Each structure stands twice: as structure tokens, then as C-alpha cells.
Amino acid sequence: MDHAYPKVIEGGLGSAEESTSQTIAAEAPTPPVKLNAKEKKLWEHVTSALEEYGLIHRTDGLLMTVICKTFCNWVAQEEFLEKLKRENNGSYYVKTPNGYEQPHQAYYVARDYKRELLKWLPEAALTIPSFQKLKADQTTPQGDLFGDDPIEQFRQRKARMGLRAIPGGKTDGGED
């Protein structure tokens, strides 16, 4: 059986100058669906801020739509719960027809919207930790996959920590 190996192209897919000089410009997307006034105002605020930092692309429209709609729905549910608490002496618990007390259904809806937001916000760098991580990743150059020797990098890290190899020692850590 003859195995065909892929042909290696010297120099990769392009010169180093070409790959580092080409960057994708930040561009705020257009909403892919119709937004109401609150959602549109939030859209403009968030996309302009992300564009200012260079963290948005025109393909992020769907992600931003989900975030804006979910955020506005969550705020509406929270406002409803606050109104309910004012009307019920500071509680959003209601009695069921069987006489049991339970949180109003809006409590669960608000909880689910908040959970969904907490999943989506880091995807768009809209939390402080995700924003800081993304900005740090942009300033740290990516290593050369084929030029960097991982074994040598490991040795250098160990040397910086003060660890050194003992000549003549067993590689498995055992005694002679």
C-alpha cells in the first residue's frame, strides 16, 4: 500500500510581511432583524464602543442582536418584578390556587434571561475579564508554530525558575 504524503510548500502560505500587515478593520454590523427603540439605542451604544476598541466585525450582527434583545427583555422582567414588589409589600411571592406561596413566574423568566446574558456577554468581550483577556491576547504575539522548539522553551522556563538538570542523573528520578 502506497501512502501519499502532502507536499510541503516552502515559506508557508505567504511571506511574513504579508501576514502581519493585513489586519481586519473593526466595523459595526447592521442589525439583521428589526429592533425596537430600546434595543436600537442599546445596539448603537454597544457597537460603537466595541468598534472604538476594534473588537467588532460586520459578522457579529447575530451575536449583538441576541445580546441586545436578551438584555432588554431581562430589564423589562426586572422592572415588572420591582413593580410587583411595591404592590405586594416588598415581596414577589404569590399564592397559587391551592394556597401555596411561590415566586411569581416573572422571577424565573428574569433568572433565565440573566443566565443567558452571562453566557453571551463574554463572547462579545462585554465583561471586564473577557475584555482584559482579549486585549492581552492582542498585545501578546503568537508563537511560531514551526520555528519555536517546545523542548527548549520548557528548559528555559525551568532555568528561569532556578531548576537545572543534574548530569548523570536518571531520567525517571530513580537512584543508580
N, C-alpha and C. Protein backbone atom coordinates (compact mmCIF):
# COMPACT_ATOMS: atom_id res chain seq x y z
N MET A 1 0.85 -1.17 0.00
CA MET A 1 0.00 0.00 0.00
C MET A 1 0.89 1.23 0.00
N ASP A 2 0.64 2.14 -0.93
CA ASP A 2 1.46 3.33 -1.07
C ASP A 2 0.78 4.50 -0.36
N HIS A 3 1.50 5.09 0.63
CA HIS A 3 0.97 6.24 1.34
C HIS A 3 1.43 7.51 0.66
N ALA A 4 0.53 8.37 0.33
CA ALA A 4 0.88 9.66 -0.27
C ALA A 4 0.93 10.71 0.83
N TYR A 5 2.05 11.36 0.93
CA TYR A 5 2.21 12.41 1.93
C TYR A 5 2.00 13.77 1.28
N PRO A 6 1.45 14.71 2.03
CA PRO A 6 1.23 16.03 1.42
C PRO A 6 2.55 16.71 1.10
N LYS A 7 2.53 17.48 0.05
CA LYS A 7 3.71 18.20 -0.38
C LYS A 7 3.86 19.45 0.50
N VAL A 8 5.05 19.67 1.03
CA VAL A 8 5.32 20.83 1.87
C VAL A 8 5.72 21.97 0.98
N ILE A 9 5.02 23.09 1.13
CA ILE A 9 5.33 24.28 0.36
C ILE A 9 6.27 25.13 1.19
N GLU A 10 7.43 25.39 0.69
CA GLU A 10 8.41 26.19 1.42
C GLU A 10 7.88 27.62 1.59
N GLY A 11 8.06 28.16 2.76
CA GLY A 11 7.66 29.53 3.01
C GLY A 11 6.22 29.68 3.47
N GLY A 12 5.48 28.61 3.57
CA GLY A 12 4.10 28.69 4.04
C GLY A 12 3.17 29.27 2.99
N LEU A 13 2.11 29.89 3.44
CA LEU A 13 1.09 30.41 2.53
C LEU A 13 1.37 31.82 2.06
N GLY A 14 2.34 32.46 2.61
CA GLY A 14 2.66 33.82 2.21
C GLY A 14 3.86 34.29 3.00
N SER A 15 4.37 35.44 2.64
CA SER A 15 5.53 35.95 3.36
C SER A 15 5.10 36.49 4.72
N ALA A 16 6.05 36.62 5.62
CA ALA A 16 5.76 37.12 6.97
C ALA A 16 5.25 38.55 6.91
N GLU A 17 5.76 39.34 5.95
CA GLU A 17 5.31 40.72 5.83
C GLU A 17 3.83 40.79 5.48
N GLU A 18 3.41 39.92 4.56
CA GLU A 18 2.02 39.94 4.14
C GLU A 18 1.08 39.57 5.27
N SER A 19 1.44 38.56 6.06
CA SER A 19 0.53 38.08 7.09
C SER A 19 0.42 39.05 8.26
N THR A 20 1.48 39.79 8.59
CA THR A 20 1.40 40.71 9.72
C THR A 20 0.83 42.06 9.34
N SER A 21 0.96 42.44 8.07
CA SER A 21 0.48 43.77 7.69
C SER A 21 -1.02 43.79 7.43
N GLN A 22 -1.62 42.63 7.13
CA GLN A 22 -3.04 42.60 6.84
C GLN A 22 -3.82 42.40 8.14
N THR A 23 -4.61 43.39 8.49
CA THR A 23 -5.48 43.27 9.66
C THR A 23 -6.90 43.57 9.22
N ILE A 24 -7.84 43.00 9.93
CA ILE A 24 -9.24 43.22 9.61
C ILE A 24 -9.71 44.44 10.39
N ALA A 25 -10.25 45.41 9.69
CA ALA A 25 -10.71 46.63 10.32
C ALA A 25 -12.00 46.38 11.09
N ALA A 26 -12.11 47.06 12.23
CA ALA A 26 -13.33 46.97 13.02
C ALA A 26 -14.45 47.69 12.28
N GLU A 27 -15.58 47.04 12.21
CA GLU A 27 -16.73 47.62 11.50
C GLU A 27 -18.00 47.18 12.21
N ALA A 28 -18.80 48.14 12.64
CA ALA A 28 -20.05 47.81 13.31
C ALA A 28 -21.02 47.20 12.30
N PRO A 29 -21.66 46.09 12.67
CA PRO A 29 -22.60 45.45 11.75
C PRO A 29 -23.94 46.17 11.73
N THR A 30 -24.73 45.84 10.75
CA THR A 30 -26.11 46.32 10.73
C THR A 30 -26.97 45.24 11.38
N PRO A 31 -28.01 45.63 12.10
CA PRO A 31 -28.85 44.61 12.74
C PRO A 31 -29.53 43.72 11.70
N PRO A 32 -29.47 42.41 11.88
CA PRO A 32 -30.09 41.51 10.90
C PRO A 32 -31.62 41.43 11.04
N VAL A 33 -32.17 41.95 12.12
CA VAL A 33 -33.61 41.95 12.34
C VAL A 33 -34.04 43.34 12.80
N LYS A 34 -35.34 43.57 12.79
CA LYS A 34 -35.87 44.86 13.24
C LYS A 34 -35.79 44.93 14.76
N LEU A 35 -35.26 46.03 15.27
CA LEU A 35 -35.13 46.24 16.71
C LEU A 35 -36.10 47.33 17.15
N ASN A 36 -36.63 47.21 18.38
CA ASN A 36 -37.47 48.28 18.89
C ASN A 36 -36.57 49.44 19.35
N ALA A 37 -37.15 50.51 19.84
CA ALA A 37 -36.39 51.72 20.17
C ALA A 37 -35.35 51.47 21.26
N LYS A 38 -35.71 50.74 22.31
CA LYS A 38 -34.76 50.46 23.39
C LYS A 38 -33.60 49.58 22.89
N GLU A 39 -33.96 48.56 22.12
CA GLU A 39 -32.93 47.66 21.59
C GLU A 39 -32.00 48.40 20.64
N LYS A 40 -32.56 49.28 19.83
CA LYS A 40 -31.76 50.06 18.87
C LYS A 40 -30.80 50.99 19.60
N LYS A 41 -31.27 51.63 20.67
CA LYS A 41 -30.41 52.52 21.45
C LYS A 41 -29.26 51.74 22.09
N LEU A 42 -29.56 50.57 22.64
CA LEU A 42 -28.53 49.72 23.22
C LEU A 42 -27.56 49.25 22.14
N TRP A 43 -28.10 48.87 20.99
CA TRP A 43 -27.29 48.42 19.86
C TRP A 43 -26.26 49.49 19.49
N GLU A 44 -26.72 50.71 19.31
CA GLU A 44 -25.83 51.80 18.92
C GLU A 44 -24.74 52.04 19.97
N HIS A 45 -25.13 52.00 21.23
CA HIS A 45 -24.17 52.23 22.32
C HIS A 45 -23.09 51.15 22.35
N VAL A 46 -23.50 49.90 22.32
CA VAL A 46 -22.56 48.79 22.46
C VAL A 46 -21.69 48.64 21.21
N THR A 47 -22.29 48.69 20.04
CA THR A 47 -21.48 48.51 18.82
C THR A 47 -20.49 49.64 18.62
N SER A 48 -20.88 50.87 18.97
CA SER A 48 -19.92 51.97 18.81
C SER A 48 -18.76 51.84 19.79
N ALA A 49 -19.03 51.38 21.01
CA ALA A 49 -17.96 51.18 21.99
C ALA A 49 -17.03 50.06 21.54
N LEU A 50 -17.58 48.96 21.06
CA LEU A 50 -16.75 47.86 20.59
C LEU A 50 -15.95 48.24 19.35
N GLU A 51 -16.55 49.05 18.49
CA GLU A 51 -15.85 49.50 17.30
C GLU A 51 -14.68 50.41 17.67
N GLU A 52 -14.89 51.23 18.68
CA GLU A 52 -13.82 52.13 19.15
C GLU A 52 -12.60 51.34 19.62
N TYR A 53 -12.82 50.19 20.23
CA TYR A 53 -11.72 49.36 20.71
C TYR A 53 -11.28 48.33 19.67
N GLY A 54 -11.92 48.30 18.52
CA GLY A 54 -11.53 47.37 17.48
C GLY A 54 -11.94 45.93 17.77
N LEU A 55 -13.03 45.74 18.51
CA LEU A 55 -13.45 44.41 18.93
C LEU A 55 -14.73 43.92 18.28
N ILE A 56 -15.10 44.51 17.15
CA ILE A 56 -16.33 44.09 16.49
C ILE A 56 -16.08 43.98 15.00
N HIS A 57 -16.82 43.09 14.38
CA HIS A 57 -16.71 42.88 12.95
C HIS A 57 -18.12 42.87 12.36
N ARG A 58 -18.23 43.09 11.10
CA ARG A 58 -19.56 43.14 10.49
C ARG A 58 -20.30 41.81 10.56
N THR A 59 -19.61 40.72 10.87
CA THR A 59 -20.27 39.42 11.01
C THR A 59 -20.82 39.19 12.41
N ASP A 60 -20.65 40.13 13.31
CA ASP A 60 -21.12 39.99 14.70
C ASP A 60 -22.58 40.42 14.88
N GLY A 61 -23.30 40.64 13.81
CA GLY A 61 -24.67 41.13 13.89
C GLY A 61 -25.60 40.22 14.66
N LEU A 62 -25.54 38.93 14.41
CA LEU A 62 -26.42 37.98 15.09
C LEU A 62 -26.12 37.94 16.58
N LEU A 63 -24.85 37.88 16.94
CA LEU A 63 -24.45 37.87 18.35
C LEU A 63 -24.95 39.13 19.06
N MET A 64 -24.76 40.28 18.45
CA MET A 64 -25.18 41.53 19.07
C MET A 64 -26.70 41.62 19.16
N THR A 65 -27.40 41.07 18.20
CA THR A 65 -28.87 41.06 18.24
C THR A 65 -29.36 40.24 19.42
N VAL A 66 -28.80 39.06 19.60
CA VAL A 66 -29.20 38.20 20.72
C VAL A 66 -28.92 38.92 22.04
N ILE A 67 -27.76 39.53 22.16
CA ILE A 67 -27.40 40.21 23.40
C ILE A 67 -28.34 41.39 23.67
N CYS A 68 -28.58 42.22 22.67
CA CYS A 68 -29.44 43.40 22.87
C CYS A 68 -30.87 43.01 23.22
N LYS A 69 -31.43 42.05 22.49
CA LYS A 69 -32.80 41.63 22.76
C LYS A 69 -32.91 40.97 24.15
N THR A 70 -31.96 40.11 24.48
CA THR A 70 -31.98 39.43 25.78
C THR A 70 -31.82 40.43 26.92
N PHE A 71 -30.93 41.39 26.76
CA PHE A 71 -30.74 42.39 27.80
C PHE A 71 -32.01 43.21 28.02
N CYS A 72 -32.62 43.67 26.95
CA CYS A 72 -33.85 44.47 27.08
C CYS A 72 -34.98 43.65 27.70
N ASN A 73 -35.09 42.39 27.33
CA ASN A 73 -36.11 41.53 27.93
C ASN A 73 -35.85 41.30 29.42
N TRP A 74 -34.59 41.13 29.78
CA TRP A 74 -34.23 40.94 31.19
C TRP A 74 -34.57 42.19 32.00
N VAL A 75 -34.24 43.36 31.47
CA VAL A 75 -34.55 44.62 32.16
C VAL A 75 -36.06 44.76 32.34
N ALA A 76 -36.83 44.42 31.32
CA ALA A 76 -38.29 44.51 31.42
C ALA A 76 -38.82 43.59 32.52
N GLN A 77 -38.30 42.38 32.62
CA GLN A 77 -38.74 41.45 33.66
C GLN A 77 -38.35 41.95 35.05
N GLU A 78 -37.15 42.51 35.17
CA GLU A 78 -36.72 43.06 36.46
C GLU A 78 -37.60 44.24 36.87
N GLU A 79 -37.96 45.09 35.91
CA GLU A 79 -38.86 46.22 36.22
C GLU A 79 -40.23 45.71 36.65
N PHE A 80 -40.73 44.67 35.99
CA PHE A 80 -42.01 44.09 36.37
C PHE A 80 -41.95 43.54 37.79
N LEU A 81 -40.85 42.86 38.13
CA LEU A 81 -40.70 42.32 39.49
C LEU A 81 -40.63 43.43 40.53
N GLU A 82 -39.96 44.52 40.22
CA GLU A 82 -39.90 45.65 41.15
C GLU A 82 -41.29 46.25 41.38
N LYS A 83 -42.07 46.37 40.30
CA LYS A 83 -43.44 46.88 40.42
C LYS A 83 -44.28 45.93 41.28
N LEU A 84 -44.12 44.63 41.05
CA LEU A 84 -44.85 43.63 41.82
C LEU A 84 -44.47 43.69 43.30
N LYS A 85 -43.20 43.90 43.58
CA LYS A 85 -42.75 44.01 44.98
C LYS A 85 -43.36 45.23 45.66
N ARG A 86 -43.46 46.33 44.92
CA ARG A 86 -44.07 47.54 45.51
C ARG A 86 -45.53 47.30 45.83
N GLU A 87 -46.22 46.58 44.96
CA GLU A 87 -47.65 46.31 45.16
C GLU A 87 -47.91 45.26 46.24
N ASN A 88 -46.95 44.37 46.49
CA ASN A 88 -47.13 43.26 47.44
C ASN A 88 -46.28 43.43 48.70
N ASN A 89 -46.12 44.63 49.17
CA ASN A 89 -45.38 44.91 50.40
C ASN A 89 -43.96 44.34 50.39
N GLY A 90 -43.24 44.53 49.28
CA GLY A 90 -41.84 44.13 49.20
C GLY A 90 -41.59 42.69 48.85
N SER A 91 -42.58 41.97 48.37
CA SER A 91 -42.40 40.56 48.03
C SER A 91 -42.93 40.29 46.63
N TYR A 92 -42.27 39.40 45.93
CA TYR A 92 -42.78 38.98 44.62
C TYR A 92 -43.35 37.56 44.69
N TYR A 93 -43.63 37.10 45.91
CA TYR A 93 -44.27 35.79 46.09
C TYR A 93 -45.77 35.95 45.91
N VAL A 94 -46.37 34.97 45.27
CA VAL A 94 -47.81 34.97 45.03
C VAL A 94 -48.38 33.64 45.53
N LYS A 95 -49.70 33.64 45.80
CA LYS A 95 -50.37 32.41 46.23
C LYS A 95 -50.93 31.70 45.02
N THR A 96 -50.74 30.39 45.01
CA THR A 96 -51.32 29.57 43.95
C THR A 96 -52.78 29.31 44.28
N PRO A 97 -53.59 28.79 43.35
CA PRO A 97 -54.99 28.45 43.65
C PRO A 97 -55.10 27.41 44.77
N ASN A 98 -54.05 26.61 44.99
CA ASN A 98 -54.07 25.61 46.07
C ASN A 98 -53.63 26.19 47.41
N GLY A 99 -53.26 27.46 47.42
CA GLY A 99 -52.88 28.11 48.67
C GLY A 99 -51.39 28.13 48.97
N TYR A 100 -50.58 27.60 48.09
CA TYR A 100 -49.13 27.62 48.30
C TYR A 100 -48.54 28.94 47.84
N GLU A 101 -47.47 29.38 48.52
CA GLU A 101 -46.77 30.59 48.09
C GLU A 101 -45.56 30.19 47.26
N GLN A 102 -45.37 30.91 46.18
CA GLN A 102 -44.22 30.66 45.31
C GLN A 102 -43.82 31.96 44.64
N PRO A 103 -42.59 32.04 44.14
CA PRO A 103 -42.20 33.26 43.40
C PRO A 103 -43.07 33.40 42.15
N HIS A 104 -43.35 34.64 41.79
CA HIS A 104 -44.09 34.92 40.56
C HIS A 104 -43.31 34.35 39.38
N GLN A 105 -44.00 33.94 38.32
CA GLN A 105 -43.34 33.34 37.16
C GLN A 105 -42.33 34.31 36.52
N ALA A 106 -42.53 35.60 36.67
CA ALA A 106 -41.59 36.57 36.12
C ALA A 106 -40.21 36.44 36.77
N TYR A 107 -40.18 35.95 38.00
CA TYR A 107 -38.89 35.73 38.67
C TYR A 107 -38.06 34.71 37.88
N TYR A 108 -38.69 33.62 37.46
CA TYR A 108 -37.98 32.57 36.73
C TYR A 108 -37.59 33.04 35.32
N VAL A 109 -38.45 33.84 34.72
CA VAL A 109 -38.13 34.37 33.39
C VAL A 109 -36.93 35.30 33.49
N ALA A 110 -36.92 36.19 34.49
CA ALA A 110 -35.79 37.09 34.69
C ALA A 110 -34.51 36.32 34.98
N ARG A 111 -34.63 35.28 35.79
CA ARG A 111 -33.46 34.45 36.12
C ARG A 111 -32.88 33.80 34.87
N ASP A 112 -33.75 33.29 34.01
CA ASP A 112 -33.29 32.63 32.79
C ASP A 112 -32.65 33.62 31.82
N TYR A 113 -33.23 34.82 31.71
CA TYR A 113 -32.62 35.85 30.85
C TYR A 113 -31.24 36.23 31.38
N LYS A 114 -31.11 36.34 32.68
CA LYS A 114 -29.82 36.71 33.27
C LYS A 114 -28.79 35.61 33.00
N ARG A 115 -29.17 34.37 33.15
CA ARG A 115 -28.25 33.26 32.87
C ARG A 115 -27.81 33.28 31.41
N GLU A 116 -28.76 33.54 30.52
CA GLU A 116 -28.43 33.59 29.10
C GLU A 116 -27.46 34.73 28.81
N LEU A 117 -27.71 35.88 29.42
CA LEU A 117 -26.80 37.02 29.24
C LEU A 117 -25.40 36.70 29.72
N LEU A 118 -25.29 36.06 30.87
CA LEU A 118 -23.98 35.74 31.42
C LEU A 118 -23.22 34.75 30.53
N LYS A 119 -23.92 34.03 29.69
CA LYS A 119 -23.26 33.15 28.73
C LYS A 119 -22.82 33.91 27.48
N TRP A 120 -23.65 34.87 27.04
CA TRP A 120 -23.38 35.58 25.79
C TRP A 120 -22.43 36.76 25.94
N LEU A 121 -22.47 37.47 27.06
CA LEU A 121 -21.66 38.68 27.20
C LEU A 121 -20.16 38.43 27.03
N PRO A 122 -19.59 37.38 27.61
CA PRO A 122 -18.15 37.16 27.38
C PRO A 122 -17.81 36.88 25.92
N GLU A 123 -18.74 36.33 25.16
CA GLU A 123 -18.48 36.05 23.75
C GLU A 123 -18.23 37.34 22.96
N ALA A 124 -18.80 38.44 23.41
CA ALA A 124 -18.64 39.71 22.72
C ALA A 124 -17.69 40.64 23.47
N ALA A 125 -16.93 40.10 24.43
CA ALA A 125 -15.98 40.88 25.24
C ALA A 125 -16.70 41.99 26.00
N LEU A 126 -17.91 41.71 26.48
CA LEU A 126 -18.69 42.70 27.21
C LEU A 126 -18.67 42.49 28.72
N THR A 127 -17.71 41.71 29.20
CA THR A 127 -17.45 41.63 30.63
C THR A 127 -16.01 42.06 30.84
N ILE A 128 -15.70 42.55 32.02
CA ILE A 128 -14.34 43.05 32.26
C ILE A 128 -13.30 41.94 32.09
N PRO A 129 -13.49 40.74 32.66
CA PRO A 129 -12.47 39.70 32.46
C PRO A 129 -12.29 39.31 30.99
N SER A 130 -13.38 39.18 30.24
CA SER A 130 -13.24 38.79 28.84
C SER A 130 -12.60 39.90 28.02
N PHE A 131 -12.91 41.15 28.34
CA PHE A 131 -12.31 42.29 27.64
C PHE A 131 -10.81 42.33 27.91
N GLN A 132 -10.41 42.19 29.18
CA GLN A 132 -8.99 42.23 29.53
C GLN A 132 -8.23 41.06 28.88
N LYS A 133 -8.84 39.89 28.86
CA LYS A 133 -8.18 38.74 28.25
C LYS A 133 -7.99 38.96 26.76
N LEU A 134 -8.99 39.49 26.10
CA LEU A 134 -8.91 39.73 24.67
C LEU A 134 -7.86 40.78 24.35
N LYS A 135 -7.82 41.85 25.12
CA LYS A 135 -6.83 42.89 24.88
C LYS A 135 -5.42 42.37 25.15
N ALA A 136 -5.25 41.52 26.18
CA ALA A 136 -3.94 40.94 26.46
C ALA A 136 -3.52 40.00 25.33
N ASP A 137 -4.46 39.23 24.79
CA ASP A 137 -4.15 38.33 23.68
C ASP A 137 -3.75 39.10 22.43
N GLN A 138 -4.32 40.29 22.25
CA GLN A 138 -3.98 41.09 21.07
C GLN A 138 -2.57 41.66 21.17
N THR A 139 -2.10 41.96 22.38
CA THR A 139 -0.77 42.55 22.53
C THR A 139 0.32 41.49 22.63
N THR A 140 -0.04 40.25 22.98
CA THR A 140 0.94 39.17 23.08
C THR A 140 1.07 38.51 21.72
N PRO A 141 2.28 38.51 21.14
CA PRO A 141 2.41 37.88 19.84
C PRO A 141 2.29 36.37 19.95
N GLN A 142 1.71 35.80 18.93
CA GLN A 142 1.54 34.36 18.90
C GLN A 142 2.87 33.72 18.52
N GLY A 143 3.20 32.61 19.15
CA GLY A 143 4.46 31.93 18.88
C GLY A 143 4.49 31.35 17.48
N ASP A 144 5.69 31.10 17.02
CA ASP A 144 5.88 30.49 15.71
C ASP A 144 5.73 28.99 15.86
N LEU A 145 4.74 28.43 15.23
CA LEU A 145 4.43 27.02 15.38
C LEU A 145 5.58 26.12 14.96
N PHE A 146 6.28 26.48 13.89
CA PHE A 146 7.33 25.62 13.37
C PHE A 146 8.73 26.08 13.78
N GLY A 147 8.88 27.34 14.15
CA GLY A 147 10.20 27.87 14.50
C GLY A 147 10.55 27.71 15.97
N ASP A 148 9.57 27.72 16.85
CA ASP A 148 9.83 27.61 18.28
C ASP A 148 9.96 26.14 18.68
N ASP A 149 11.02 25.84 19.41
CA ASP A 149 11.24 24.48 19.89
C ASP A 149 10.61 24.36 21.27
N PRO A 150 9.54 23.57 21.43
CA PRO A 150 8.87 23.48 22.72
C PRO A 150 9.75 22.90 23.82
N ILE A 151 10.64 22.00 23.47
CA ILE A 151 11.52 21.41 24.48
C ILE A 151 12.49 22.46 25.00
N GLU A 152 13.03 23.24 24.08
CA GLU A 152 13.96 24.30 24.50
C GLU A 152 13.23 25.36 25.33
N GLN A 153 12.00 25.69 24.96
CA GLN A 153 11.22 26.65 25.76
C GLN A 153 10.98 26.11 27.16
N PHE A 154 10.70 24.80 27.28
CA PHE A 154 10.50 24.17 28.58
C PHE A 154 11.77 24.27 29.41
N ARG A 155 12.91 23.98 28.81
CA ARG A 155 14.19 24.08 29.52
C ARG A 155 14.45 25.51 30.00
N GLN A 156 14.15 26.47 29.15
CA GLN A 156 14.37 27.87 29.52
C GLN A 156 13.46 28.29 30.67
N ARG A 157 12.20 27.85 30.66
CA ARG A 157 11.30 28.17 31.77
C ARG A 157 11.81 27.57 33.07
N LYS A 158 12.26 26.34 33.02
CA LYS A 158 12.80 25.68 34.21
C LYS A 158 14.06 26.40 34.70
N ALA A 159 14.92 26.83 33.79
CA ALA A 159 16.13 27.55 34.18
C ALA A 159 15.78 28.88 34.84
N ARG A 160 14.76 29.57 34.34
CA ARG A 160 14.35 30.85 34.95
C ARG A 160 13.79 30.63 36.35
N MET A 161 13.23 29.45 36.59
CA MET A 161 12.70 29.14 37.92
C MET A 161 13.80 28.65 38.85
N GLY A 162 15.01 28.46 38.34
CA GLY A 162 16.11 28.01 39.18
C GLY A 162 16.29 26.51 39.20
N LEU A 163 15.58 25.79 38.39
CA LEU A 163 15.72 24.34 38.33
C LEU A 163 16.73 23.99 37.24
N ARG A 164 17.54 22.98 37.50
CA ARG A 164 18.51 22.58 36.50
C ARG A 164 18.61 21.07 36.45
N ALA A 165 19.06 20.57 35.33
CA ALA A 165 19.25 19.14 35.16
C ALA A 165 20.55 18.72 35.82
N ILE A 166 20.57 17.57 36.45
CA ILE A 166 21.77 17.06 37.09
C ILE A 166 22.42 16.07 36.13
N PRO A 167 23.66 16.34 35.72
CA PRO A 167 24.32 15.42 34.78
C PRO A 167 24.49 14.04 35.41
N GLY A 168 24.20 13.01 34.64
CA GLY A 168 24.36 11.64 35.10
C GLY A 168 23.19 11.12 35.89
N GLY A 169 22.21 11.95 36.17
CA GLY A 169 21.05 11.51 36.92
C GLY A 169 20.11 10.68 36.06
N LYS A 170 19.31 9.87 36.69
CA LYS A 170 18.35 9.06 35.95
C LYS A 170 17.20 9.93 35.48
N THR A 171 16.71 9.68 34.30
CA THR A 171 15.63 10.48 33.74
C THR A 171 14.31 10.22 34.42
N ASP A 172 14.16 9.02 35.05
CA ASP A 172 12.90 8.72 35.71
C ASP A 172 12.90 9.15 37.18
N GLY A 173 13.98 9.77 37.64
CA GLY A 173 14.04 10.26 39.02
C GLY A 173 14.48 9.22 40.01
N GLY A 174 14.76 7.99 39.57
CA GLY A 174 15.18 6.93 40.48
C GLY A 174 16.68 7.02 40.79
N GLU A 175 17.14 6.16 41.68
CA GLU A 175 18.56 6.16 42.05
C GLU A 175 19.30 5.17 41.17
N ASP A 176 20.68 5.31 41.17
CA ASP A 176 21.53 4.42 40.36
C ASP A 176 21.47 3.01 40.81
